[in-house]
């Protein structure tokens, strides 16, 4: 049985036993122009989960729809969960 992860942006993902999630984003080519790899990966993470703390990101372009690139993103959520656990306690 896999766990469910609710991202900072409210999206829900199934989590693999290794802490990995998979989702799809769409990106305007103009948003990619001028970014280096690290900047692109940060943008992918932000679009997928609402946080740049997604790690071990892998991406696979899947197509083009309405002028935007559709990209499948895989990443590890452990750093996001660690950051949540380090937050202030009530």
PDB file of N, CA and C in Angstrom:
ATOM      1  N   UNK A   1       0.852  -1.184   0.000  1.00  0.00           N
ATOM      2  CA  UNK A   1       0.000   0.000   0.000  1.00  0.00           C
ATOM      3  C   UNK A   1       0.894   1.243   0.000  1.00  0.00           C
ATOM      4  N   UNK A   2       0.606   2.194  -0.842  1.00  0.00           N
ATOM      5  CA  UNK A   2       1.404   3.412  -0.904  1.00  0.00           C
ATOM      6  C   UNK A   2       0.736   4.522  -0.106  1.00  0.00           C
ATOM      7  N   UNK A   3       1.574   5.455   0.339  1.00  0.00           N
ATOM      8  CA  UNK A   3       1.087   6.607   1.083  1.00  0.00           C
ATOM      9  C   UNK A   3       0.684   7.702   0.112  1.00  0.00           C
ATOM     10  N   UNK A   4      -0.074   8.660   0.636  1.00  0.00           N
ATOM     11  CA  UNK A   4      -0.459   9.829  -0.142  1.00  0.00           C
ATOM     12  C   UNK A   4       0.258  11.041   0.420  1.00  0.00           C
ATOM     13  N   UNK A   5       0.759  11.884  -0.472  1.00  0.00           N
ATOM     14  CA  UNK A   5       1.439  13.122  -0.106  1.00  0.00           C
ATOM     15  C   UNK A   5       0.616  14.279  -0.639  1.00  0.00           C
ATOM     16  N   UNK A   6       0.304  15.250   0.236  1.00  0.00           N
ATOM     17  CA  UNK A   6      -0.377  16.469  -0.186  1.00  0.00           C
ATOM     18  C   UNK A   6       0.682  17.563  -0.261  1.00  0.00           C
ATOM     19  N   UNK A   7       0.914  18.055  -1.464  1.00  0.00           N
ATOM     20  CA  UNK A   7       1.944  19.059  -1.703  1.00  0.00           C
ATOM     21  C   UNK A   7       1.517  20.423  -1.176  1.00  0.00           C
ATOM     22  N   UNK A   8       2.481  21.337  -1.106  1.00  0.00           N
ATOM     23  CA  UNK A   8       2.220  22.697  -0.636  1.00  0.00           C
ATOM     24  C   UNK A   8       1.179  23.410  -1.490  1.00  0.00           C
ATOM     25  N   UNK A   9       1.053  23.010  -2.760  1.00  0.00           N
ATOM     26  CA  UNK A   9       0.071  23.635  -3.648  1.00  0.00           C
ATOM     27  C   UNK A   9      -1.273  22.907  -3.638  1.00  0.00           C
ATOM     28  N   UNK A  10      -1.423  21.911  -2.752  1.00  0.00           N
ATOM     29  CA  UNK A  10      -2.686  21.200  -2.606  1.00  0.00           C
ATOM     30  C   UNK A  10      -2.848  19.963  -3.468  1.00  0.00           C
ATOM     31  N   UNK A  11      -1.938  19.725  -4.401  1.00  0.00           N
ATOM     32  CA  UNK A  11      -2.023  18.536  -5.250  1.00  0.00           C
ATOM     33  C   UNK A  11      -1.682  17.295  -4.429  1.00  0.00           C
ATOM     34  N   UNK A  12      -2.350  16.185  -4.752  1.00  0.00           N
ATOM     35  CA  UNK A  12      -2.102  14.922  -4.059  1.00  0.00           C
ATOM     36  C   UNK A  12      -1.354  13.959  -4.971  1.00  0.00           C
ATOM     37  N   UNK A  13      -0.413  13.233  -4.373  1.00  0.00           N
ATOM     38  CA  UNK A  13       0.402  12.270  -5.107  1.00  0.00           C
ATOM     39  C   UNK A  13       0.519  10.984  -4.308  1.00  0.00           C
ATOM     40  N   UNK A  14       0.601   9.862  -5.017  1.00  0.00           N
ATOM     41  CA  UNK A  14       0.950   8.605  -4.372  1.00  0.00           C
ATOM     42  C   UNK A  14       2.467   8.573  -4.240  1.00  0.00           C
ATOM     43  N   UNK A  15       2.945   8.075  -3.096  1.00  0.00           N
ATOM     44  CA  UNK A  15       4.373   8.047  -2.804  1.00  0.00           C
ATOM     45  C   UNK A  15       4.871   6.606  -2.875  1.00  0.00           C
ATOM     46  N   UNK A  16       5.972   6.400  -3.594  1.00  0.00           N
ATOM     47  CA  UNK A  16       6.562   5.063  -3.669  1.00  0.00           C
ATOM     48  C   UNK A  16       7.249   4.742  -2.347  1.00  0.00           C
ATOM     49  N   UNK A  17       7.658   3.509  -2.191  1.00  0.00           N
ATOM     50  CA  UNK A  17       8.345   3.102  -0.964  1.00  0.00           C
ATOM     51  C   UNK A  17       9.678   3.819  -0.789  1.00  0.00           C
ATOM     52  N   UNK A  18      10.185   4.436  -1.844  1.00  0.00           N
ATOM     53  CA  UNK A  18      11.452   5.162  -1.789  1.00  0.00           C
ATOM     54  C   UNK A  18      11.257   6.674  -1.677  1.00  0.00           C
ATOM     55  N   UNK A  19      10.033   7.113  -1.417  1.00  0.00           N
ATOM     56  CA  UNK A  19       9.764   8.536  -1.252  1.00  0.00           C
ATOM     57  C   UNK A  19       9.637   9.309  -2.551  1.00  0.00           C
ATOM     58  N   UNK A  20       9.393   8.611  -3.653  1.00  0.00           N
ATOM     59  CA  UNK A  20       9.286   9.247  -4.961  1.00  0.00           C
ATOM     60  C   UNK A  20       7.827   9.521  -5.326  1.00  0.00           C
ATOM     61  N   UNK A  21       7.616  10.627  -6.014  1.00  0.00           N
ATOM     62  CA  UNK A  21       6.310  10.939  -6.588  1.00  0.00           C
ATOM     63  C   UNK A  21       6.481  11.161  -8.087  1.00  0.00           C
ATOM     64  N   UNK A  22       5.385  11.063  -8.813  1.00  0.00           N
ATOM     65  CA  UNK A  22       5.384  11.295 -10.257  1.00  0.00           C
ATOM     66  C   UNK A  22       4.178  12.156 -10.587  1.00  0.00           C
ATOM     67  N   UNK A  23       4.395  13.163 -11.424  1.00  0.00           N
ATOM     68  CA  UNK A  23       3.301  14.010 -11.862  1.00  0.00           C
ATOM     69  C   UNK A  23       3.639  14.672 -13.179  1.00  0.00           C
ATOM     70  N   UNK A  24       2.675  15.350 -13.743  1.00  0.00           N
ATOM     71  CA  UNK A  24       2.846  16.010 -15.031  1.00  0.00           C
ATOM     72  C   UNK A  24       2.607  17.504 -14.877  1.00  0.00           C
ATOM     73  N   UNK A  25       3.455  18.281 -15.538  1.00  0.00           N
ATOM     74  CA  UNK A  25       3.305  19.736 -15.557  1.00  0.00           C
ATOM     75  C   UNK A  25       3.289  20.205 -17.004  1.00  0.00           C
ATOM     76  N   UNK A  26       2.853  21.438 -17.204  1.00  0.00           N
ATOM     77  CA  UNK A  26       2.973  22.070 -18.517  1.00  0.00           C
ATOM     78  C   UNK A  26       3.793  23.340 -18.341  1.00  0.00           C
ATOM     79  N   UNK A  27       4.671  23.583 -19.312  1.00  0.00           N
ATOM     80  CA  UNK A  27       5.603  24.701 -19.224  1.00  0.00           C
ATOM     81  C   UNK A  27       5.597  25.463 -20.540  1.00  0.00           C
ATOM     82  N   UNK A  28       5.476  26.760 -20.452  1.00  0.00           N
ATOM     83  CA  UNK A  28       5.604  27.617 -21.628  1.00  0.00           C
ATOM     84  C   UNK A  28       7.083  27.696 -21.997  1.00  0.00           C
ATOM     85  N   UNK A  29       7.406  27.501 -23.251  1.00  0.00           N
ATOM     86  CA  UNK A  29       8.799  27.526 -23.694  1.00  0.00           C
ATOM     87  C   UNK A  29       9.479  28.835 -23.316  1.00  0.00           C
ATOM     88  N   UNK A  30       8.746  29.932 -23.322  1.00  0.00           N
ATOM     89  CA  UNK A  30       9.329  31.224 -22.967  1.00  0.00           C
ATOM     90  C   UNK A  30       9.795  31.263 -21.518  1.00  0.00           C
ATOM     91  N   UNK A  31       9.165  30.458 -20.648  1.00  0.00           N
ATOM     92  CA  UNK A  31       9.592  30.400 -19.249  1.00  0.00           C
ATOM     93  C   UNK A  31      10.905  29.645 -19.090  1.00  0.00           C
ATOM     94  N   UNK A  32      11.232  28.780 -20.040  1.00  0.00           N
ATOM     95  CA  UNK A  32      12.474  28.008 -19.972  1.00  0.00           C
ATOM     96  C   UNK A  32      13.672  28.757 -20.543  1.00  0.00           C
ATOM     97  N   UNK A  33      13.413  29.639 -21.486  1.00  0.00           N
ATOM     98  CA  UNK A  33      14.501  30.345 -22.158  1.00  0.00           C
ATOM     99  C   UNK A  33      15.280  31.166 -21.136  1.00  0.00           C
ATOM    100  N   UNK A  34      16.575  30.990 -21.143  1.00  0.00           N
ATOM    101  CA  UNK A  34      17.449  31.741 -20.255  1.00  0.00           C
ATOM    102  C   UNK A  34      17.733  31.055 -18.928  1.00  0.00           C
ATOM    103  N   UNK A  35      17.044  29.951 -18.636  1.00  0.00           N
ATOM    104  CA  UNK A  35      17.303  29.236 -17.386  1.00  0.00           C
ATOM    105  C   UNK A  35      18.429  28.227 -17.580  1.00  0.00           C
ATOM    106  N   UNK A  36      19.263  28.076 -16.545  1.00  0.00           N
ATOM    107  CA  UNK A  36      20.214  26.977 -16.553  1.00  0.00           C
ATOM    108  C   UNK A  36      19.497  25.738 -16.020  1.00  0.00           C
ATOM    109  N   UNK A  37      20.190  24.605 -15.942  1.00  0.00           N
ATOM    110  CA  UNK A  37      19.551  23.358 -15.515  1.00  0.00           C
ATOM    111  C   UNK A  37      18.975  23.478 -14.111  1.00  0.00           C
ATOM    112  N   UNK A  38      19.739  24.050 -13.194  1.00  0.00           N
ATOM    113  CA  UNK A  38      19.247  24.192 -11.816  1.00  0.00           C
ATOM    114  C   UNK A  38      17.992  25.055 -11.763  1.00  0.00           C
ATOM    115  N   UNK A  39      17.968  26.126 -12.518  1.00  0.00           N
ATOM    116  CA  UNK A  39      16.791  26.988 -12.564  1.00  0.00           C
ATOM    117  C   UNK A  39      15.577  26.273 -13.134  1.00  0.00           C
ATOM    118  N   UNK A  40      15.804  25.459 -14.172  1.00  0.00           N
ATOM    119  CA  UNK A  40      14.702  24.698 -14.770  1.00  0.00           C
ATOM    120  C   UNK A  40      14.165  23.667 -13.782  1.00  0.00           C
ATOM    121  N   UNK A  41      15.056  22.958 -13.085  1.00  0.00           N
ATOM    122  CA  UNK A  41      14.618  21.958 -12.109  1.00  0.00           C
ATOM    123  C   UNK A  41      13.848  22.602 -10.965  1.00  0.00           C
ATOM    124  N   UNK A  42      14.300  23.770 -10.516  1.00  0.00           N
ATOM    125  CA  UNK A  42      13.565  24.494  -9.467  1.00  0.00           C
ATOM    126  C   UNK A  42      12.166  24.867  -9.953  1.00  0.00           C
ATOM    127  N   UNK A  43      12.070  25.324 -11.199  1.00  0.00           N
ATOM    128  CA  UNK A  43      10.771  25.687 -11.755  1.00  0.00           C
ATOM    129  C   UNK A  43       9.871  24.453 -11.866  1.00  0.00           C
ATOM    130  N   UNK A  44      10.424  23.332 -12.312  1.00  0.00           N
ATOM    131  CA  UNK A  44       9.646  22.096 -12.406  1.00  0.00           C
ATOM    132  C   UNK A  44       9.105  21.704 -11.036  1.00  0.00           C
ATOM    133  N   UNK A  45       9.964  21.754 -10.014  1.00  0.00           N
ATOM    134  CA  UNK A  45       9.550  21.384  -8.655  1.00  0.00           C
ATOM    135  C   UNK A  45       8.459  22.315  -8.149  1.00  0.00           C
ATOM    136  N   UNK A  46       8.639  23.603  -8.369  1.00  0.00           N
ATOM    137  CA  UNK A  46       7.653  24.590  -7.912  1.00  0.00           C
ATOM    138  C   UNK A  46       6.304  24.358  -8.589  1.00  0.00           C
ATOM    139  N   UNK A  47       6.323  24.081  -9.889  1.00  0.00           N
ATOM    140  CA  UNK A  47       5.066  23.834 -10.607  1.00  0.00           C
ATOM    141  C   UNK A  47       4.401  22.538 -10.155  1.00  0.00           C
ATOM    142  N   UNK A  48       5.205  21.518  -9.842  1.00  0.00           N
ATOM    143  CA  UNK A  48       4.636  20.221  -9.478  1.00  0.00           C
ATOM    144  C   UNK A  48       4.106  20.205  -8.051  1.00  0.00           C
ATOM    145  N   UNK A  49       4.918  20.687  -7.096  1.00  0.00           N
ATOM    146  CA  UNK A  49       4.541  20.541  -5.684  1.00  0.00           C
ATOM    147  C   UNK A  49       4.466  21.853  -4.907  1.00  0.00           C
ATOM    148  N   UNK A  50       4.795  22.975  -5.552  1.00  0.00           N
ATOM    149  CA  UNK A  50       4.742  24.251  -4.850  1.00  0.00           C
ATOM    150  C   UNK A  50       5.930  24.492  -3.945  1.00  0.00           C
ATOM    151  N   UNK A  51       7.028  23.774  -4.177  1.00  0.00           N
ATOM    152  CA  UNK A  51       8.231  23.911  -3.354  1.00  0.00           C
ATOM    153  C   UNK A  51       9.449  23.542  -4.188  1.00  0.00           C
ATOM    154  N   UNK A  52      10.551  24.259  -3.970  1.00  0.00           N
ATOM    155  CA  UNK A  52      11.801  23.937  -4.650  1.00  0.00           C
ATOM    156  C   UNK A  52      12.576  22.844  -3.918  1.00  0.00           C
ATOM    157  N   UNK A  53      12.005  22.275  -2.844  1.00  0.00           N
ATOM    158  CA  UNK A  53      12.696  21.267  -2.046  1.00  0.00           C
ATOM    159  C   UNK A  53      12.557  19.849  -2.593  1.00  0.00           C
ATOM    160  N   UNK A  54      11.879  19.669  -3.716  1.00  0.00           N
ATOM    161  CA  UNK A  54      11.820  18.361  -4.363  1.00  0.00           C
ATOM    162  C   UNK A  54      13.228  18.024  -4.855  1.00  0.00           C
ATOM    163  N   UNK A  55      13.711  16.809  -4.575  1.00  0.00           N
ATOM    164  CA  UNK A  55      15.079  16.439  -4.946  1.00  0.00           C
ATOM    165  C   UNK A  55      15.078  15.256  -5.906  1.00  0.00           C
ATOM    166  N   UNK A  56      16.265  14.947  -6.409  1.00  0.00           N
ATOM    167  CA  UNK A  56      16.462  13.815  -7.328  1.00  0.00           C
ATOM    168  C   UNK A  56      15.457  13.862  -8.481  1.00  0.00           C
ATOM    169  N   UNK A  57      15.325  15.027  -9.068  1.00  0.00           N
ATOM    170  CA  UNK A  57      14.326  15.239 -10.119  1.00  0.00           C
ATOM    171  C   UNK A  57      14.779  14.628 -11.443  1.00  0.00           C
ATOM    172  N   UNK A  58      13.871  13.876 -12.035  1.00  0.00           N
ATOM    173  CA  UNK A  58      14.048  13.370 -13.396  1.00  0.00           C
ATOM    174  C   UNK A  58      12.856  13.872 -14.203  1.00  0.00           C
ATOM    175  N   UNK A  59      13.086  14.175 -15.460  1.00  0.00           N
ATOM    176  CA  UNK A  59      12.000  14.712 -16.279  1.00  0.00           C
ATOM    177  C   UNK A  59      12.006  14.067 -17.655  1.00  0.00           C
ATOM    178  N   UNK A  60      10.803  13.903 -18.192  1.00  0.00           N
ATOM    179  CA  UNK A  60      10.631  13.329 -19.518  1.00  0.00           C
ATOM    180  C   UNK A  60       9.586  14.144 -20.270  1.00  0.00           C
ATOM    181  N   UNK A  61       9.986  14.822 -21.350  1.00  0.00           N
ATOM    182  CA  UNK A  61       8.992  15.524 -22.167  1.00  0.00           C
ATOM    183  C   UNK A  61       8.006  14.514 -22.756  1.00  0.00           C
ATOM    184  N   UNK A  62       6.718  14.849 -22.704  1.00  0.00           N
ATOM    185  CA  UNK A  62       5.683  13.937 -23.183  1.00  0.00           C
ATOM    186  C   UNK A  62       4.959  14.451 -24.417  1.00  0.00           C
ATOM    187  N   UNK A  63       5.071  15.747 -24.698  1.00  0.00           N
ATOM    188  CA  UNK A  63       4.387  16.281 -25.863  1.00  0.00           C
ATOM    189  C   UNK A  63       4.182  17.772 -25.748  1.00  0.00           C
ATOM    190  N   UNK A  64       3.376  18.288 -26.660  1.00  0.00           N
ATOM    191  CA  UNK A  64       3.040  19.708 -26.679  1.00  0.00           C
ATOM    192  C   UNK A  64       1.531  19.822 -26.757  1.00  0.00           C
ATOM    193  N   UNK A  65       0.981  20.702 -25.930  1.00  0.00           N
ATOM    194  CA  UNK A  65      -0.465  20.911 -25.909  1.00  0.00           C
ATOM    195  C   UNK A  65      -0.733  22.398 -25.725  1.00  0.00           C
ATOM    196  N   UNK A  66      -1.513  22.969 -26.607  1.00  0.00           N
ATOM    197  CA  UNK A  66      -1.841  24.397 -26.550  1.00  0.00           C
ATOM    198  C   UNK A  66      -0.593  25.267 -26.439  1.00  0.00           C
ATOM    199  N   UNK A  67       0.464  24.884 -27.142  1.00  0.00           N
ATOM    200  CA  UNK A  67       1.687  25.670 -27.166  1.00  0.00           C
ATOM    201  C   UNK A  67       2.579  25.507 -25.950  1.00  0.00           C
ATOM    202  N   UNK A  68       2.238  24.608 -25.040  1.00  0.00           N
ATOM    203  CA  UNK A  68       3.062  24.372 -23.854  1.00  0.00           C
ATOM    204  C   UNK A  68       3.640  22.965 -23.901  1.00  0.00           C
ATOM    205  N   UNK A  69       4.837  22.816 -23.340  1.00  0.00           N
ATOM    206  CA  UNK A  69       5.492  21.520 -23.280  1.00  0.00           C
ATOM    207  C   UNK A  69       4.932  20.750 -22.085  1.00  0.00           C
ATOM    208  N   UNK A  70       4.500  19.523 -22.309  1.00  0.00           N
ATOM    209  CA  UNK A  70       4.009  18.655 -21.244  1.00  0.00           C
ATOM    210  C   UNK A  70       5.189  17.800 -20.787  1.00  0.00           C
ATOM    211  N   UNK A  71       5.483  17.844 -19.480  1.00  0.00           N
ATOM    212  CA  UNK A  71       6.653  17.157 -18.941  1.00  0.00           C
ATOM    213  C   UNK A  71       6.245  16.299 -17.750  1.00  0.00           C
ATOM    214  N   UNK A  72       6.661  15.028 -17.776  1.00  0.00           N
ATOM    215  CA  UNK A  72       6.469  14.158 -16.614  1.00  0.00           C
ATOM    216  C   UNK A  72       7.654  14.371 -15.677  1.00  0.00           C
ATOM    217  N   UNK A  73       7.358  14.617 -14.408  1.00  0.00           N
ATOM    218  CA  UNK A  73       8.379  14.889 -13.406  1.00  0.00           C
ATOM    219  C   UNK A  73       8.341  13.795 -12.352  1.00  0.00           C
ATOM    220  N   UNK A  74       9.520  13.283 -12.006  1.00  0.00           N
ATOM    221  CA  UNK A  74       9.670  12.353 -10.887  1.00  0.00           C
ATOM    222  C   UNK A  74      10.623  13.006  -9.900  1.00  0.00           C
ATOM    223  N   UNK A  75      10.326  12.877  -8.610  1.00  0.00           N
ATOM    224  CA  UNK A  75      11.214  13.458  -7.621  1.00  0.00           C
ATOM    225  C   UNK A  75      10.975  12.882  -6.243  1.00  0.00           C
ATOM    226  N   UNK A  76      11.915  13.161  -5.351  1.00  0.00           N
ATOM    227  CA  UNK A  76      11.871  12.663  -3.985  1.00  0.00           C
ATOM    228  C   UNK A  76      11.368  13.761  -3.055  1.00  0.00           C
ATOM    229  N   UNK A  77      10.435  13.403  -2.158  1.00  0.00           N
ATOM    230  CA  UNK A  77       9.808  14.388  -1.273  1.00  0.00           C
ATOM    231  C   UNK A  77      10.409  14.423   0.128  1.00  0.00           C
ATOM    232  N   UNK A  78      11.449  13.632   0.404  1.00  0.00           N
ATOM    233  CA  UNK A  78      11.990  13.540   1.764  1.00  0.00           C
ATOM    234  C   UNK A  78      12.398  14.904   2.327  1.00  0.00           C
ATOM    235  N   UNK A  79      13.028  15.751   1.527  1.00  0.00           N
ATOM    236  CA  UNK A  79      13.462  17.063   2.004  1.00  0.00           C
ATOM    237  C   UNK A  79      12.259  17.952   2.346  1.00  0.00           C
ATOM    238  N   UNK A  80      11.187  17.827   1.595  1.00  0.00           N
ATOM    239  CA  UNK A  80       9.965  18.582   1.888  1.00  0.00           C
ATOM    240  C   UNK A  80       9.392  18.127   3.219  1.00  0.00           C
ATOM    241  N   UNK A  81       9.329  16.808   3.416  1.00  0.00           N
ATOM    242  CA  UNK A  81       8.797  16.275   4.673  1.00  0.00           C
ATOM    243  C   UNK A  81       9.673  16.664   5.852  1.00  0.00           C
ATOM    244  N   UNK A  82      10.999  16.617   5.677  1.00  0.00           N
ATOM    245  CA  UNK A  82      11.914  17.028   6.745  1.00  0.00           C
ATOM    246  C   UNK A  82      11.701  18.488   7.104  1.00  0.00           C
ATOM    247  N   UNK A  83      11.513  19.334   6.097  1.00  0.00           N
ATOM    248  CA  UNK A  83      11.295  20.760   6.333  1.00  0.00           C
ATOM    249  C   UNK A  83       9.990  20.994   7.090  1.00  0.00           C
ATOM    250  N   UNK A  84       8.964  20.222   6.772  1.00  0.00           N
ATOM    251  CA  UNK A  84       7.689  20.344   7.486  1.00  0.00           C
ATOM    252  C   UNK A  84       7.852  19.940   8.947  1.00  0.00           C
ATOM    253  N   UNK A  85       8.630  18.894   9.190  1.00  0.00           N
ATOM    254  CA  UNK A  85       8.834  18.410  10.555  1.00  0.00           C
ATOM    255  C   UNK A  85       9.682  19.358  11.386  1.00  0.00           C
ATOM    256  N   UNK A  86      10.495  20.196  10.735  1.00  0.00           N
ATOM    257  CA  UNK A  86      11.337  21.155  11.443  1.00  0.00           C
ATOM    258  C   UNK A  86      10.611  22.456  11.743  1.00  0.00           C
ATOM    259  N   UNK A  87       9.381  22.572  11.289  1.00  0.00           N
ATOM    260  CA  UNK A  87       8.614  23.806  11.485  1.00  0.00           C
ATOM    261  C   UNK A  87       8.272  24.040  12.942  1.00  0.00           C
ATOM    262  N   UNK A  88       7.725  25.197  13.245  1.00  0.00           N
ATOM    263  CA  UNK A  88       7.381  25.518  14.635  1.00  0.00           C
ATOM    264  C   UNK A  88       6.289  24.599  15.156  1.00  0.00           C
ATOM    265  N   UNK A  89       6.411  24.231  16.402  1.00  0.00           N
ATOM    266  CA  UNK A  89       5.378  23.397  17.016  1.00  0.00           C
ATOM    267  C   UNK A  89       4.416  24.275  17.793  1.00  0.00           C
ATOM    268  N   UNK A  90       3.182  23.811  17.910  1.00  0.00           N
ATOM    269  CA  UNK A  90       2.144  24.604  18.582  1.00  0.00           C
ATOM    270  C   UNK A  90       1.941  24.075  19.977  1.00  0.00           C
TER     271      UNK A  90
END
